[in-house]
Amino acid sequence: MEIKERIREFIVSNCLFGDTSFDLRDDTALLDSGIIDSTGVIELVLFLSEAFGLDVPPEDMLPANFNSLGQLTSYVQQRIPVASAL
Protein backbone atom coordinates (compact mmCIF):
# COMPACT_ATOMS: atom_id res chain seq x y z
CA MET A 1 0.00 0.00 0.00
CA GLU A 2 1.24 3.47 -0.83
CA ILE A 3 2.63 5.63 2.01
CA LYS A 4 -0.04 8.31 1.63
CA GLU A 5 -2.85 5.76 1.67
CA ARG A 6 -1.51 4.06 4.81
CA ILE A 7 -1.34 7.42 6.58
CA ARG A 8 -4.80 8.39 5.30
CA GLU A 9 -6.22 5.08 6.57
CA PHE A 10 -4.70 5.70 10.00
CA ILE A 11 -6.10 9.24 10.22
CA VAL A 12 -9.58 8.18 9.12
CA SER A 13 -9.64 5.22 11.52
CA ASN A 14 -8.06 6.87 14.56
CA CYS A 15 -8.67 10.60 14.29
CA LEU A 16 -11.93 10.74 12.33
CA PHE A 17 -13.24 7.58 14.02
CA GLY A 18 -13.92 5.87 10.69
CA ASP A 19 -15.89 8.78 9.18
CA THR A 20 -15.14 8.20 5.49
CA SER A 21 -17.55 10.98 4.48
CA PHE A 22 -15.02 13.62 5.61
CA ASP A 23 -13.21 15.16 2.63
CA LEU A 24 -9.61 14.49 3.71
CA ARG A 25 -7.51 16.14 1.01
CA ASP A 26 -3.73 16.26 0.80
CA ASP A 27 -3.77 19.87 2.05
CA THR A 28 -6.42 19.56 4.79
CA ALA A 29 -5.00 21.27 7.89
CA LEU A 30 -4.99 18.42 10.41
CA LEU A 31 -3.61 20.35 13.39
CA ASP A 32 -5.15 23.73 12.66
CA SER A 33 -8.62 22.25 12.21
CA GLY A 34 -8.40 20.05 15.32
CA ILE A 35 -8.55 16.74 13.44
CA ILE A 36 -5.32 15.83 15.21
CA ASP A 37 -4.66 17.14 18.71
CA SER A 38 -1.60 16.70 20.92
CA THR A 39 -2.60 13.14 21.82
CA GLY A 40 -3.22 12.44 18.15
CA VAL A 41 0.31 13.58 17.31
CA ILE A 42 1.70 11.04 19.78
CA GLU A 43 -0.48 8.31 18.28
CA LEU A 44 0.61 9.35 14.80
CA VAL A 45 4.29 9.23 15.79
CA LEU A 46 3.77 5.72 17.18
CA PHE A 47 2.03 4.70 13.95
CA LEU A 48 4.87 6.10 11.81
CA SER A 49 7.34 4.23 13.97
CA GLU A 50 5.52 0.92 13.65
CA ALA A 51 4.34 1.19 10.04
CA PHE A 52 7.50 2.63 8.50
CA GLY A 53 10.22 1.91 11.05
CA LEU A 54 10.81 5.61 11.68
CA ASP A 55 12.32 7.17 14.74
CA VAL A 56 10.65 10.58 14.90
CA PRO A 57 12.72 12.92 17.07
CA PRO A 58 10.90 15.64 19.04
CA GLU A 59 12.42 18.37 16.88
CA ASP A 60 10.62 16.87 13.84
CA MET A 61 7.18 17.09 15.47
CA LEU A 62 6.39 20.41 13.83
CA PRO A 63 3.37 21.67 11.90
CA ALA A 64 5.64 21.85 8.85
CA ASN A 65 5.84 18.03 8.96
CA PHE A 66 2.51 17.07 10.55
CA ASN A 67 -0.21 19.55 9.54
CA SER A 68 -1.47 17.80 6.42
CA LEU A 69 -1.56 14.45 4.71
CA GLY A 70 0.74 15.83 2.01
CA GLN A 71 3.27 17.09 4.56
CA LEU A 72 3.20 13.80 6.46
CA THR A 73 3.73 11.82 3.26
CA SER A 74 6.62 14.04 2.23
CA TYR A 75 8.19 13.72 5.69
CA VAL A 76 7.99 9.91 5.62
CA GLN A 77 9.34 9.75 2.07
CA GLN A 78 12.32 11.89 3.07
CA ARG A 79 13.04 9.77 6.13
CA ILE A 80 12.90 6.29 4.59
CA PRO A 81 13.75 4.72 1.26
CA VAL A 82 10.55 4.31 -0.77
CA ALA A 83 11.25 0.62 -1.39
CA SER A 84 11.14 -0.22 2.33
CA ALA A 85 7.67 1.32 2.72
CA LEU A 86 6.02 -0.97 0.21
PDB file of N, CA and C in Angstrom:
ATOM      1  N   MET A   1       0.848  -1.171   0.000  1.00  0.00           N
ATOM      2  CA  MET A   1       0.000   0.000   0.000  1.00  0.00           C
ATOM      3  C   MET A   1       0.901   1.244   0.000  1.00  0.00           C
ATOM      4  N   GLU A   2       0.500   2.228  -0.712  1.00  0.00           N
ATOM      5  CA  GLU A   2       1.244   3.472  -0.829  1.00  0.00           C
ATOM      6  C   GLU A   2       1.315   4.197   0.527  1.00  0.00           C
ATOM      7  N   ILE A   3       2.405   4.904   0.748  1.00  0.00           N
ATOM      8  CA  ILE A   3       2.628   5.625   2.006  1.00  0.00           C
ATOM      9  C   ILE A   3       1.451   6.530   2.338  1.00  0.00           C
ATOM     10  N   LYS A   4       1.043   7.354   1.382  1.00  0.00           N
ATOM     11  CA  LYS A   4      -0.040   8.306   1.629  1.00  0.00           C
ATOM     12  C   LYS A   4      -1.329   7.581   2.025  1.00  0.00           C
ATOM     13  N   GLU A   5      -1.624   6.485   1.370  1.00  0.00           N
ATOM     14  CA  GLU A   5      -2.851   5.759   1.669  1.00  0.00           C
ATOM     15  C   GLU A   5      -2.806   5.104   3.050  1.00  0.00           C
ATOM     16  N   ARG A   6      -1.648   4.636   3.457  1.00  0.00           N
ATOM     17  CA  ARG A   6      -1.510   4.061   4.807  1.00  0.00           C
ATOM     18  C   ARG A   6      -1.724   5.130   5.870  1.00  0.00           C
ATOM     19  N   ILE A   7      -1.164   6.314   5.637  1.00  0.00           N
ATOM     20  CA  ILE A   7      -1.343   7.418   6.584  1.00  0.00           C
ATOM     21  C   ILE A   7      -2.794   7.872   6.584  1.00  0.00           C
ATOM     22  N   ARG A   8      -3.400   7.993   5.405  1.00  0.00           N
ATOM     23  CA  ARG A   8      -4.804   8.390   5.305  1.00  0.00           C
ATOM     24  C   ARG A   8      -5.696   7.401   6.079  1.00  0.00           C
ATOM     25  N   GLU A   9      -5.452   6.117   5.881  1.00  0.00           N
ATOM     26  CA  GLU A   9      -6.224   5.084   6.566  1.00  0.00           C
ATOM     27  C   GLU A   9      -6.105   5.231   8.086  1.00  0.00           C
ATOM     28  N   PHE A  10      -4.903   5.500   8.568  1.00  0.00           N
ATOM     29  CA  PHE A  10      -4.701   5.696  10.003  1.00  0.00           C
ATOM     30  C   PHE A  10      -5.493   6.903  10.504  1.00  0.00           C
ATOM     31  N   ILE A  11      -5.407   8.017   9.792  1.00  0.00           N
ATOM     32  CA  ILE A  11      -6.099   9.239  10.216  1.00  0.00           C
ATOM     33  C   ILE A  11      -7.611   9.029  10.228  1.00  0.00           C
ATOM     34  N   VAL A  12      -8.139   8.421   9.180  1.00  0.00           N
ATOM     35  CA  VAL A  12      -9.582   8.181   9.123  1.00  0.00           C
ATOM     36  C   VAL A  12     -10.006   7.257  10.264  1.00  0.00           C
ATOM     37  N   SER A  13      -9.266   6.190  10.486  1.00  0.00           N
ATOM     38  CA  SER A  13      -9.635   5.222  11.522  1.00  0.00           C
ATOM     39  C   SER A  13      -9.485   5.770  12.933  1.00  0.00           C
ATOM     40  N   ASN A  14      -8.398   6.486  13.197  1.00  0.00           N
ATOM     41  CA  ASN A  14      -8.060   6.867  14.559  1.00  0.00           C
ATOM     42  C   ASN A  14      -8.386   8.307  14.946  1.00  0.00           C
ATOM     43  N   CYS A  15      -8.420   9.190  13.975  1.00  0.00           N
ATOM     44  CA  CYS A  15      -8.675  10.597  14.289  1.00  0.00           C
ATOM     45  C   CYS A  15     -10.085  11.028  13.879  1.00  0.00           C
ATOM     46  N   LEU A  16     -10.573  10.441  12.793  1.00  0.00           N
ATOM     47  CA  LEU A  16     -11.925  10.742  12.330  1.00  0.00           C
ATOM     48  C   LEU A  16     -12.907   9.639  12.727  1.00  0.00           C
ATOM     49  N   PHE A  17     -12.420   8.672  13.494  1.00  0.00           N
ATOM     50  CA  PHE A  17     -13.235   7.577  14.017  1.00  0.00           C
ATOM     51  C   PHE A  17     -14.014   6.854  12.926  1.00  0.00           C
ATOM     52  N   GLY A  18     -13.342   6.640  11.784  1.00  0.00           N
ATOM     53  CA  GLY A  18     -13.924   5.875  10.693  1.00  0.00           C
ATOM     54  C   GLY A  18     -14.868   6.653   9.793  1.00  0.00           C
ATOM     55  N   ASP A  19     -14.990   7.953   9.988  1.00  0.00           N
ATOM     56  CA  ASP A  19     -15.888   8.778   9.177  1.00  0.00           C
ATOM     57  C   ASP A  19     -15.295   8.990   7.787  1.00  0.00           C
ATOM     58  N   THR A  20     -15.669   8.126   6.861  1.00  0.00           N
ATOM     59  CA  THR A  20     -15.144   8.201   5.491  1.00  0.00           C
ATOM     60  C   THR A  20     -15.831   9.287   4.672  1.00  0.00           C
ATOM     61  N   SER A  21     -16.871   9.920   5.217  1.00  0.00           N
ATOM     62  CA  SER A  21     -17.548  10.982   4.481  1.00  0.00           C
ATOM     63  C   SER A  21     -16.766  12.303   4.546  1.00  0.00           C
ATOM     64  N   PHE A  22     -15.831  12.399   5.481  1.00  0.00           N
ATOM     65  CA  PHE A  22     -15.022  13.620   5.610  1.00  0.00           C
ATOM     66  C   PHE A  22     -14.097  13.740   4.413  1.00  0.00           C
ATOM     67  N   ASP A  23     -14.047  14.916   3.809  1.00  0.00           N
ATOM     68  CA  ASP A  23     -13.215  15.161   2.633  1.00  0.00           C
ATOM     69  C   ASP A  23     -11.772  15.442   3.074  1.00  0.00           C
ATOM     70  N   LEU A  24     -11.000  14.363   3.267  1.00  0.00           N
ATOM     71  CA  LEU A  24      -9.613  14.491   3.712  1.00  0.00           C
ATOM     72  C   LEU A  24      -8.715  14.622   2.488  1.00  0.00           C
ATOM     73  N   ARG A  25      -8.376  15.857   2.167  1.00  0.00           N
ATOM     74  CA  ARG A  25      -7.512  16.145   1.015  1.00  0.00           C
ATOM     75  C   ARG A  25      -6.056  16.192   1.467  1.00  0.00           C
ATOM     76  N   ASP A  26      -5.161  16.204   0.506  1.00  0.00           N
ATOM     77  CA  ASP A  26      -3.729  16.257   0.805  1.00  0.00           C
ATOM     78  C   ASP A  26      -3.353  17.511   1.586  1.00  0.00           C
ATOM     79  N   ASP A  27      -4.109  18.603   1.404  1.00  0.00           N
ATOM     80  CA  ASP A  27      -3.770  19.866   2.051  1.00  0.00           C
ATOM     81  C   ASP A  27      -4.697  20.226   3.212  1.00  0.00           C
ATOM     82  N   THR A  28      -5.556  19.305   3.634  1.00  0.00           N
ATOM     83  CA  THR A  28      -6.420  19.562   4.787  1.00  0.00           C
ATOM     84  C   THR A  28      -5.556  19.796   6.027  1.00  0.00           C
ATOM     85  N   ALA A  29      -5.796  20.907   6.712  1.00  0.00           N
ATOM     86  CA  ALA A  29      -4.998  21.267   7.892  1.00  0.00           C
ATOM     87  C   ALA A  29      -5.421  20.404   9.079  1.00  0.00           C
ATOM     88  N   LEU A  30      -4.648  19.384   9.362  1.00  0.00           N
ATOM     89  CA  LEU A  30      -4.989  18.419  10.415  1.00  0.00           C
ATOM     90  C   LEU A  30      -4.880  19.018  11.815  1.00  0.00           C
ATOM     91  N   LEU A  31      -3.829  19.750  12.065  1.00  0.00           N
ATOM     92  CA  LEU A  31      -3.611  20.346  13.385  1.00  0.00           C
ATOM     93  C   LEU A  31      -4.457  21.603  13.566  1.00  0.00           C
ATOM     94  N   ASP A  32      -4.428  22.466  12.567  1.00  0.00           N
ATOM     95  CA  ASP A  32      -5.145  23.734  12.659  1.00  0.00           C
ATOM     96  C   ASP A  32      -6.656  23.543  12.784  1.00  0.00           C
ATOM     97  N   SER A  33      -7.181  22.492  12.178  1.00  0.00           N
ATOM     98  CA  SER A  33      -8.623  22.249  12.212  1.00  0.00           C
ATOM     99  C   SER A  33      -9.049  21.393  13.401  1.00  0.00           C
ATOM    100  N   GLY A  34      -8.083  20.868  14.156  1.00  0.00           N
ATOM    101  CA  GLY A  34      -8.398  20.053  15.318  1.00  0.00           C
ATOM    102  C   GLY A  34      -8.642  18.583  15.015  1.00  0.00           C
ATOM    103  N   ILE A  35      -8.411  18.157  13.779  1.00  0.00           N
ATOM    104  CA  ILE A  35      -8.554  16.736  13.437  1.00  0.00           C
ATOM    105  C   ILE A  35      -7.556  15.922  14.248  1.00  0.00           C
ATOM    106  N   ILE A  36      -6.348  16.462  14.380  1.00  0.00           N
ATOM    107  CA  ILE A  36      -5.324  15.834  15.209  1.00  0.00           C
ATOM    108  C   ILE A  36      -4.962  16.808  16.320  1.00  0.00           C
ATOM    109  N   ASP A  37      -5.054  16.329  17.562  1.00  0.00           N
ATOM    110  CA  ASP A  37      -4.662  17.137  18.713  1.00  0.00           C
ATOM    111  C   ASP A  37      -3.321  16.627  19.237  1.00  0.00           C
ATOM    112  N   SER A  38      -2.909  17.089  20.392  1.00  0.00           N
ATOM    113  CA  SER A  38      -1.597  16.697  20.918  1.00  0.00           C
ATOM    114  C   SER A  38      -1.511  15.192  21.156  1.00  0.00           C
ATOM    115  N   THR A  39      -2.580  14.593  21.637  1.00  0.00           N
ATOM    116  CA  THR A  39      -2.595  13.137  21.818  1.00  0.00           C
ATOM    117  C   THR A  39      -2.540  12.440  20.471  1.00  0.00           C
ATOM    118  N   GLY A  40      -3.235  12.993  19.496  1.00  0.00           N
ATOM    119  CA  GLY A  40      -3.218  12.437  18.148  1.00  0.00           C
ATOM    120  C   GLY A  40      -1.838  12.472  17.525  1.00  0.00           C
ATOM    121  N   VAL A  41      -1.062  13.506  17.831  1.00  0.00           N
ATOM    122  CA  VAL A  41       0.311  13.582  17.314  1.00  0.00           C
ATOM    123  C   VAL A  41       1.133  12.427  17.878  1.00  0.00           C
ATOM    124  N   ILE A  42       0.965  12.152  19.155  1.00  0.00           N
ATOM    125  CA  ILE A  42       1.698  11.045  19.780  1.00  0.00           C
ATOM    126  C   ILE A  42       1.291   9.722  19.137  1.00  0.00           C
ATOM    127  N   GLU A  43      -0.009   9.532  18.931  1.00  0.00           N
ATOM    128  CA  GLU A  43      -0.483   8.312  18.280  1.00  0.00           C
ATOM    129  C   GLU A  43       0.058   8.208  16.859  1.00  0.00           C
ATOM    130  N   LEU A  44       0.098   9.329  16.166  1.00  0.00           N
ATOM    131  CA  LEU A  44       0.613   9.352  14.801  1.00  0.00           C
ATOM    132  C   LEU A  44       2.103   9.012  14.763  1.00  0.00           C
ATOM    133  N   VAL A  45       2.860   9.538  15.709  1.00  0.00           N
ATOM    134  CA  VAL A  45       4.287   9.225  15.790  1.00  0.00           C
ATOM    135  C   VAL A  45       4.488   7.728  16.040  1.00  0.00           C
ATOM    136  N   LEU A  46       3.684   7.159  16.932  1.00  0.00           N
ATOM    137  CA  LEU A  46       3.770   5.719  17.179  1.00  0.00           C
ATOM    138  C   LEU A  46       3.421   4.924  15.926  1.00  0.00           C
ATOM    139  N   PHE A  47       2.400   5.365  15.208  1.00  0.00           N
ATOM    140  CA  PHE A  47       2.026   4.704  13.952  1.00  0.00           C
ATOM    141  C   PHE A  47       3.172   4.775  12.947  1.00  0.00           C
ATOM    142  N   LEU A  48       3.766   5.946  12.760  1.00  0.00           N
ATOM    143  CA  LEU A  48       4.869   6.096  11.808  1.00  0.00           C
ATOM    144  C   LEU A  48       6.038   5.206  12.195  1.00  0.00           C
ATOM    145  N   SER A  49       6.271   5.092  13.481  1.00  0.00           N
ATOM    146  CA  SER A  49       7.345   4.234  13.969  1.00  0.00           C
ATOM    147  C   SER A  49       7.073   2.769  13.626  1.00  0.00           C
ATOM    148  N   GLU A  50       5.862   2.319  13.899  1.00  0.00           N
ATOM    149  CA  GLU A  50       5.516   0.920  13.652  1.00  0.00           C
ATOM    150  C   GLU A  50       5.354   0.611  12.165  1.00  0.00           C
ATOM    151  N   ALA A  51       4.668   1.465  11.445  1.00  0.00           N
ATOM    152  CA  ALA A  51       4.345   1.195  10.043  1.00  0.00           C
ATOM    153  C   ALA A  51       5.538   1.359   9.113  1.00  0.00           C
ATOM    154  N   PHE A  52       6.407   2.312   9.418  1.00  0.00           N
ATOM    155  CA  PHE A  52       7.502   2.633   8.502  1.00  0.00           C
ATOM    156  C   PHE A  52       8.883   2.493   9.127  1.00  0.00           C
ATOM    157  N   GLY A  53       8.944   2.084  10.383  1.00  0.00           N
ATOM    158  CA  GLY A  53      10.225   1.914  11.047  1.00  0.00           C
ATOM    159  C   GLY A  53      10.954   3.212  11.308  1.00  0.00           C
ATOM    160  N   LEU A  54      10.192   4.291  11.459  1.00  0.00           N
ATOM    161  CA  LEU A  54      10.807   5.605  11.676  1.00  0.00           C
ATOM    162  C   LEU A  54      11.016   5.899  13.149  1.00  0.00           C
ATOM    163  N   ASP A  55      12.097   6.579  13.430  1.00  0.00           N
ATOM    164  CA  ASP A  55      12.317   7.170  14.740  1.00  0.00           C
ATOM    165  C   ASP A  55      12.084   8.661  14.537  1.00  0.00           C
ATOM    166  N   VAL A  56      11.002   9.177  15.086  1.00  0.00           N
ATOM    167  CA  VAL A  56      10.652  10.585  14.900  1.00  0.00           C
ATOM    168  C   VAL A  56      11.140  11.367  16.108  1.00  0.00           C
ATOM    169  N   PRO A  57      12.216  12.139  15.945  1.00  0.00           N
ATOM    170  CA  PRO A  57      12.718  12.919  17.069  1.00  0.00           C
ATOM    171  C   PRO A  57      11.781  14.088  17.392  1.00  0.00           C
ATOM    172  N   PRO A  58      11.786  14.537  18.643  1.00  0.00           N
ATOM    173  CA  PRO A  58      10.896  15.643  19.040  1.00  0.00           C
ATOM    174  C   PRO A  58      11.031  16.882  18.156  1.00  0.00           C
ATOM    175  N   GLU A  59      12.232  17.165  17.703  1.00  0.00           N
ATOM    176  CA  GLU A  59      12.419  18.366  16.876  1.00  0.00           C
ATOM    177  C   GLU A  59      11.748  18.259  15.506  1.00  0.00           C
ATOM    178  N   ASP A  60      11.341  17.052  15.108  1.00  0.00           N
ATOM    179  CA  ASP A  60      10.623  16.870  13.838  1.00  0.00           C
ATOM    180  C   ASP A  60       9.112  16.982  13.993  1.00  0.00           C
ATOM    181  N   MET A  61       8.620  17.019  15.232  1.00  0.00           N
ATOM    182  CA  MET A  61       7.177  17.091  15.473  1.00  0.00           C
ATOM    183  C   MET A  61       6.703  18.535  15.353  1.00  0.00           C
ATOM    184  N   LEU A  62       6.740  19.027  14.140  1.00  0.00           N
ATOM    185  CA  LEU A  62       6.391  20.409  13.832  1.00  0.00           C
ATOM    186  C   LEU A  62       5.218  20.454  12.864  1.00  0.00           C
ATOM    187  N   PRO A  63       4.444  21.535  12.881  1.00  0.00           N
ATOM    188  CA  PRO A  63       3.373  21.665  11.898  1.00  0.00           C
ATOM    189  C   PRO A  63       3.878  21.535  10.450  1.00  0.00           C
ATOM    190  N   ALA A  64       5.094  21.960  10.204  1.00  0.00           N
ATOM    191  CA  ALA A  64       5.644  21.850   8.848  1.00  0.00           C
ATOM    192  C   ALA A  64       5.717  20.401   8.374  1.00  0.00           C
ATOM    193  N   ASN A  65       5.783  19.454   9.305  1.00  0.00           N
ATOM    194  CA  ASN A  65       5.840  18.030   8.959  1.00  0.00           C
ATOM    195  C   ASN A  65       4.513  17.310   9.181  1.00  0.00           C
ATOM    196  N   PHE A  66       3.670  17.822  10.080  1.00  0.00           N
ATOM    197  CA  PHE A  66       2.510  17.065  10.549  1.00  0.00           C
ATOM    198  C   PHE A  66       1.152  17.712  10.295  1.00  0.00           C
ATOM    199  N   ASN A  67       1.078  18.861   9.638  1.00  0.00           N
ATOM    200  CA  ASN A  67      -0.207  19.553   9.541  1.00  0.00           C
ATOM    201  C   ASN A  67      -1.102  19.102   8.394  1.00  0.00           C
ATOM    202  N   SER A  68      -0.616  18.276   7.500  1.00  0.00           N
ATOM    203  CA  SER A  68      -1.473  17.796   6.415  1.00  0.00           C
ATOM    204  C   SER A  68      -1.012  16.421   5.962  1.00  0.00           C
ATOM    205  N   LEU A  69      -1.892  15.750   5.262  1.00  0.00           N
ATOM    206  CA  LEU A  69      -1.561  14.447   4.711  1.00  0.00           C
ATOM    207  C   LEU A  69      -0.380  14.561   3.749  1.00  0.00           C
ATOM    208  N   GLY A  70      -0.365  15.611   2.950  1.00  0.00           N
ATOM    209  CA  GLY A  70       0.737  15.828   2.013  1.00  0.00           C
ATOM    210  C   GLY A  70       2.061  16.041   2.727  1.00  0.00           C
ATOM    211  N   GLN A  71       2.045  16.834   3.795  1.00  0.00           N
ATOM    212  CA  GLN A  71       3.269  17.092   4.556  1.00  0.00           C
ATOM    213  C   GLN A  71       3.749  15.826   5.259  1.00  0.00           C
ATOM    214  N   LEU A  72       2.833  15.059   5.806  1.00  0.00           N
ATOM    215  CA  LEU A  72       3.203  13.801   6.457  1.00  0.00           C
ATOM    216  C   LEU A  72       3.828  12.829   5.455  1.00  0.00           C
ATOM    217  N   THR A  73       3.213  12.727   4.294  1.00  0.00           N
ATOM    218  CA  THR A  73       3.729  11.823   3.263  1.00  0.00           C
ATOM    219  C   THR A  73       5.125  12.237   2.838  1.00  0.00           C
ATOM    220  N   SER A  74       5.313  13.522   2.618  1.00  0.00           N
ATOM    221  CA  SER A  74       6.622  14.036   2.229  1.00  0.00           C
ATOM    222  C   SER A  74       7.660  13.761   3.319  1.00  0.00           C
ATOM    223  N   TYR A  75       7.281  13.972   4.569  1.00  0.00           N
ATOM    224  CA  TYR A  75       8.187  13.717   5.688  1.00  0.00           C
ATOM    225  C   TYR A  75       8.621  12.258   5.707  1.00  0.00           C
ATOM    226  N   VAL A  76       7.665  11.341   5.596  1.00  0.00           N
ATOM    227  CA  VAL A  76       7.987   9.907   5.619  1.00  0.00           C
ATOM    228  C   VAL A  76       8.872   9.548   4.429  1.00  0.00           C
ATOM    229  N   GLN A  77       8.544  10.054   3.258  1.00  0.00           N
ATOM    230  CA  GLN A  77       9.344   9.748   2.068  1.00  0.00           C
ATOM    231  C   GLN A  77      10.777  10.238   2.198  1.00  0.00           C
ATOM    232  N   GLN A  78      10.969  11.357   2.864  1.00  0.00           N
ATOM    233  CA  GLN A  78      12.321  11.888   3.066  1.00  0.00           C
ATOM    234  C   GLN A  78      13.101  11.095   4.098  1.00  0.00           C
ATOM    235  N   ARG A  79      12.382  10.468   5.025  1.00  0.00           N
ATOM    236  CA  ARG A  79      13.043   9.769   6.125  1.00  0.00           C
ATOM    237  C   ARG A  79      13.367   8.314   5.822  1.00  0.00           C
ATOM    238  N   ILE A  80      12.659   7.689   4.895  1.00  0.00           N
ATOM    239  CA  ILE A  80      12.900   6.286   4.586  1.00  0.00           C
ATOM    240  C   ILE A  80      13.014   6.084   3.088  1.00  0.00           C
ATOM    241  N   PRO A  81      13.735   5.055   2.688  1.00  0.00           N
ATOM    242  CA  PRO A  81      13.754   4.716   1.260  1.00  0.00           C
ATOM    243  C   PRO A  81      12.363   4.232   0.852  1.00  0.00           C
ATOM    244  N   VAL A  82      11.887   4.656  -0.300  1.00  0.00           N
ATOM    245  CA  VAL A  82      10.548   4.309  -0.773  1.00  0.00           C
ATOM    246  C   VAL A  82      10.367   2.793  -0.830  1.00  0.00           C
ATOM    247  N   ALA A  83      11.367   2.071  -1.242  1.00  0.00           N
ATOM    248  CA  ALA A  83      11.247   0.616  -1.386  1.00  0.00           C
ATOM    249  C   ALA A  83      10.912  -0.069  -0.075  1.00  0.00           C
ATOM    250  N   SER A  84      11.391   0.436   1.051  1.00  0.00           N
ATOM    251  CA  SER A  84      11.141  -0.223   2.334  1.00  0.00           C
ATOM    252  C   SER A  84       9.726   0.027   2.842  1.00  0.00           C
ATOM    253  N   ALA A  85       9.021   1.005   2.276  1.00  0.00           N
ATOM    254  CA  ALA A  85       7.671   1.325   2.722  1.00  0.00           C
ATOM    255  C   ALA A  85       6.617   0.493   2.007  1.00  0.00           C
ATOM    256  N   LEU A  86       7.002  -0.202   0.984  1.00  0.00           N
ATOM    257  CA  LEU A  86       6.022  -0.974   0.205  1.00  0.00           C
ATOM    258  C   LEU A  86       5.782  -2.332   0.781  1.00  0.00           C
TER     259      LEU A  86
END
